[in-house]
Structures are given as C-alpha cells and as structure tokens.
Protein backbone atom coordinates (compact mmCIF):
# COMPACT_ATOMS: atom_id res chain seq x y z
CA UNK A 1 22.79 32.50 -21.51
CA UNK A 2 22.90 29.68 -24.03
CA UNK A 3 21.55 26.78 -22.01
CA UNK A 4 20.24 23.32 -22.70
CA UNK A 5 17.35 21.71 -20.97
CA UNK A 6 18.47 18.12 -20.81
CA UNK A 7 15.75 16.28 -18.93
CA UNK A 8 12.50 17.02 -17.12
CA UNK A 9 12.49 16.42 -13.46
CA UNK A 10 8.92 15.60 -12.62
CA UNK A 11 7.91 16.21 -9.02
CA UNK A 12 6.13 12.88 -8.80
CA UNK A 13 9.22 11.07 -9.95
CA UNK A 14 11.38 12.72 -7.37
CA UNK A 15 9.05 11.91 -4.50
CA UNK A 16 9.76 8.46 -3.01
CA UNK A 17 6.87 6.05 -2.68
CA UNK A 18 7.12 3.57 0.20
CA UNK A 19 5.98 0.54 -1.83
CA UNK A 20 8.36 1.37 -4.65
CA UNK A 21 11.51 -0.80 -4.73
CA UNK A 22 13.41 1.00 -7.46
CA UNK A 23 13.23 4.59 -8.68
CA UNK A 24 11.38 5.05 -11.95
CA UNK A 25 13.56 5.51 -15.02
CA UNK A 26 14.43 9.07 -15.95
CA UNK A 27 12.81 10.34 -19.13
CA UNK A 28 15.07 10.35 -22.17
CA UNK A 29 17.24 13.39 -22.56
CA UNK A 30 16.38 16.00 -25.14
CA UNK A 31 18.16 19.20 -25.98
CA UNK A 32 16.46 22.52 -26.32
CA UNK A 33 18.77 25.41 -27.05
CA UNK A 34 17.73 28.51 -25.16
CA UNK A 35 19.41 31.39 -27.00
CA UNK A 36 20.28 34.73 -25.56
CA UNK A 37 17.33 37.03 -25.96
CA UNK A 38 17.47 40.78 -25.34
CA UNK A 39 15.54 41.71 -22.22
CA UNK A 40 15.74 38.21 -20.67
CA UNK A 41 17.89 37.30 -17.65
CA UNK A 42 18.34 33.81 -16.21
CA UNK A 43 16.53 33.39 -12.88
CA UNK A 44 17.54 30.21 -11.04
CA UNK A 45 14.88 30.87 -8.37
CA UNK A 46 11.99 31.05 -10.89
CA UNK A 47 10.71 34.21 -9.17
CA UNK A 48 11.06 32.62 -5.74
CA UNK A 49 9.04 29.48 -6.62
CA UNK A 50 11.31 26.75 -5.28
CA UNK A 51 9.17 23.83 -6.59
CA UNK A 52 9.07 25.29 -10.09
CA UNK A 53 12.84 25.94 -9.94
CA UNK A 54 13.38 22.20 -9.32
CA UNK A 55 11.68 21.19 -12.58
CA UNK A 56 12.19 24.13 -14.90
CA UNK A 57 14.70 26.67 -16.18
CA UNK A 58 13.39 30.22 -15.77
CA UNK A 59 14.17 33.64 -17.15
CA UNK A 60 12.93 37.00 -15.94
CA UNK A 61 11.99 40.16 -17.77
CA UNK A 62 9.54 43.00 -17.18
CA UNK A 63 5.84 42.70 -17.66
CA UNK A 64 6.04 45.29 -20.44
CA UNK A 65 8.80 43.36 -22.22
CA UNK A 66 7.58 39.81 -21.72
CA UNK A 67 5.60 39.54 -25.00
CA UNK A 68 8.58 40.53 -27.14
CA UNK A 69 10.86 38.16 -25.13
CA UNK A 70 8.34 35.26 -25.64
CA UNK A 71 8.08 36.11 -29.35
CA UNK A 72 11.86 36.10 -29.71
CA UNK A 73 12.13 32.67 -28.03
CA UNK A 74 9.33 31.29 -30.25
CA UNK A 75 11.13 32.52 -33.39
CA UNK A 76 14.36 30.88 -32.24
CA UNK A 77 12.61 27.60 -31.41
CA UNK A 78 11.05 27.56 -34.91
CA UNK A 79 14.57 27.81 -36.38
CA UNK A 80 15.45 24.68 -34.32
CA UNK A 81 12.54 22.74 -35.83
CA UNK A 82 10.09 23.08 -32.91
CA UNK A 83 6.41 23.49 -33.82
CA UNK A 84 3.73 25.01 -31.60
CA UNK A 85 1.59 22.02 -30.63
CA UNK A 86 -0.82 23.64 -28.20
CA UNK A 87 -1.13 26.62 -25.94
CA UNK A 88 -3.17 29.40 -24.43
CA UNK A 89 -2.54 32.95 -23.21
CA UNK A 90 0.30 31.98 -20.84
CA UNK A 91 1.45 28.54 -22.07
CA UNK A 92 2.92 27.17 -25.26
CA UNK A 93 3.77 23.53 -25.88
CA UNK A 94 6.45 22.97 -28.52
CA UNK A 95 6.75 19.63 -30.32
CA UNK A 96 9.41 18.20 -32.61
CA UNK A 97 9.63 14.87 -34.39
CA UNK A 98 12.52 12.63 -33.38
CA UNK A 99 14.64 11.16 -36.21
CA UNK A 100 13.96 7.63 -34.99
CA UNK A 101 10.20 8.26 -34.77
CA UNK A 102 7.88 9.70 -32.16
CA UNK A 103 8.02 13.17 -30.76
CA UNK A 104 9.68 15.18 -28.02
CA UNK A 105 8.12 18.23 -26.38
CA UNK A 106 8.68 21.02 -23.93
CA UNK A 107 6.60 23.86 -22.61
CA UNK A 108 7.08 27.58 -22.04
CA UNK A 109 4.92 29.03 -19.24
CA UNK A 110 4.62 32.75 -18.55
CA UNK A 111 3.82 33.99 -15.03
CA UNK A 112 4.17 36.94 -12.70
CA UNK A 113 4.29 37.41 -8.97
CA UNK A 114 0.71 37.25 -7.75
CA UNK A 115 1.62 39.28 -4.63
CA UNK A 116 2.71 42.33 -6.59
CA UNK A 117 0.60 44.92 -8.37
CA UNK A 118 0.82 44.46 -12.15
CA UNK A 119 2.96 47.20 -13.63
CA UNK A 120 5.01 47.56 -16.80
CA UNK A 121 8.32 47.55 -14.86
CA UNK A 122 7.31 44.73 -12.51
CA UNK A 123 9.02 41.33 -12.96
CA UNK A 124 7.53 38.65 -15.18
CA UNK A 125 8.92 35.19 -15.84
CA UNK A 126 9.09 32.39 -18.39
CA UNK A 127 9.59 28.80 -17.20
CA UNK A 128 10.86 26.15 -19.65
CA UNK A 129 10.43 22.44 -18.86
CA UNK A 130 10.57 19.28 -20.92
CA UNK A 131 7.55 17.03 -21.18
CA UNK A 132 8.62 13.45 -20.53
CA UNK A 133 7.68 10.59 -22.83
CA UNK A 134 6.62 10.48 -26.42
CA UNK A 135 3.64 12.77 -26.82
CA UNK A 136 2.98 11.35 -30.29
CA UNK A 137 2.63 7.78 -29.04
CA UNK A 138 -0.61 5.97 -29.85
CA UNK A 139 -3.54 7.13 -27.75
CA UNK A 140 -2.19 10.57 -26.88
CA UNK A 141 -3.90 12.49 -29.67
CA UNK A 142 -2.95 13.72 -33.10
CA UNK A 143 0.69 14.09 -34.04
CA UNK A 144 1.94 17.43 -35.29
CA UNK A 145 2.19 17.84 -39.04
C-alpha cells in the first residue's frame, strides 16, 4: 500500500464560483510516503464519506488497533523528516521544511462511524490530506524547529 499523496484537493477550490473567470491554481505538489503498516487497509471510500474521499487518502483498521496503526505511521513519518507541528486527540499536523525555504504540511485525522456502537472490532479510519500553501509563511505563526 505504498502510496503518495501528491496534492490536496480542497473542496472550495473544486467548487466553481460564478464570478470567477479562471480556476484557482492548484497547490504545489508534495510527496508523503504512506508505508505499509500492519493492521491498516486502504479504504478509497473513507468509511463511506464521499466528500472526505475526494480530498483525502484513507485507511481502515479496527478501533482496538487504531492507536498502534497511528503510532506506526507517526514513526515512519519521523523517518521521512516530518515533525509533529500540532494536534489533539484525533488529529496530527505534520510539518517539514522545504529545501528551498518554507514548509509543507499534511494532516492525519482519526475517525469512526458515528452510527455504529463503539467496539474493539468496529471499523476506525485514518484520513491523510495535504495542507496547501506554505504554513511557515510570515503571519501564520511560529515555524517548526
């Protein structure tokens, strides 16, 4: 399941605006290697969330196994030079400096099906999506160290 996330497709960028004469430029490509991780399976439907599937690459696991899957991905991302820039219980933002200056970023969001009873064997998901632009540009906050 070695996959690359090449560009973020932002829902607002894909929605046409009547007054707009030309489509906005696509964000610059970045490559995030998603390694094979035991217990993770690619899920092109993002757990049945079509809008999310349009902008993210998703994997599925079980609720019992999700923490170890997320930890395995985080360890692999660290080997690729990604730093944890921010996060909370279900979201991690990874940041990496670009050789020419500035930063690139992507996020990993954990979620489960809200319509199902939580259970160890129930499905859980991770969605990976790039964050467009340079998050280290002036006025966006502190740059990672």
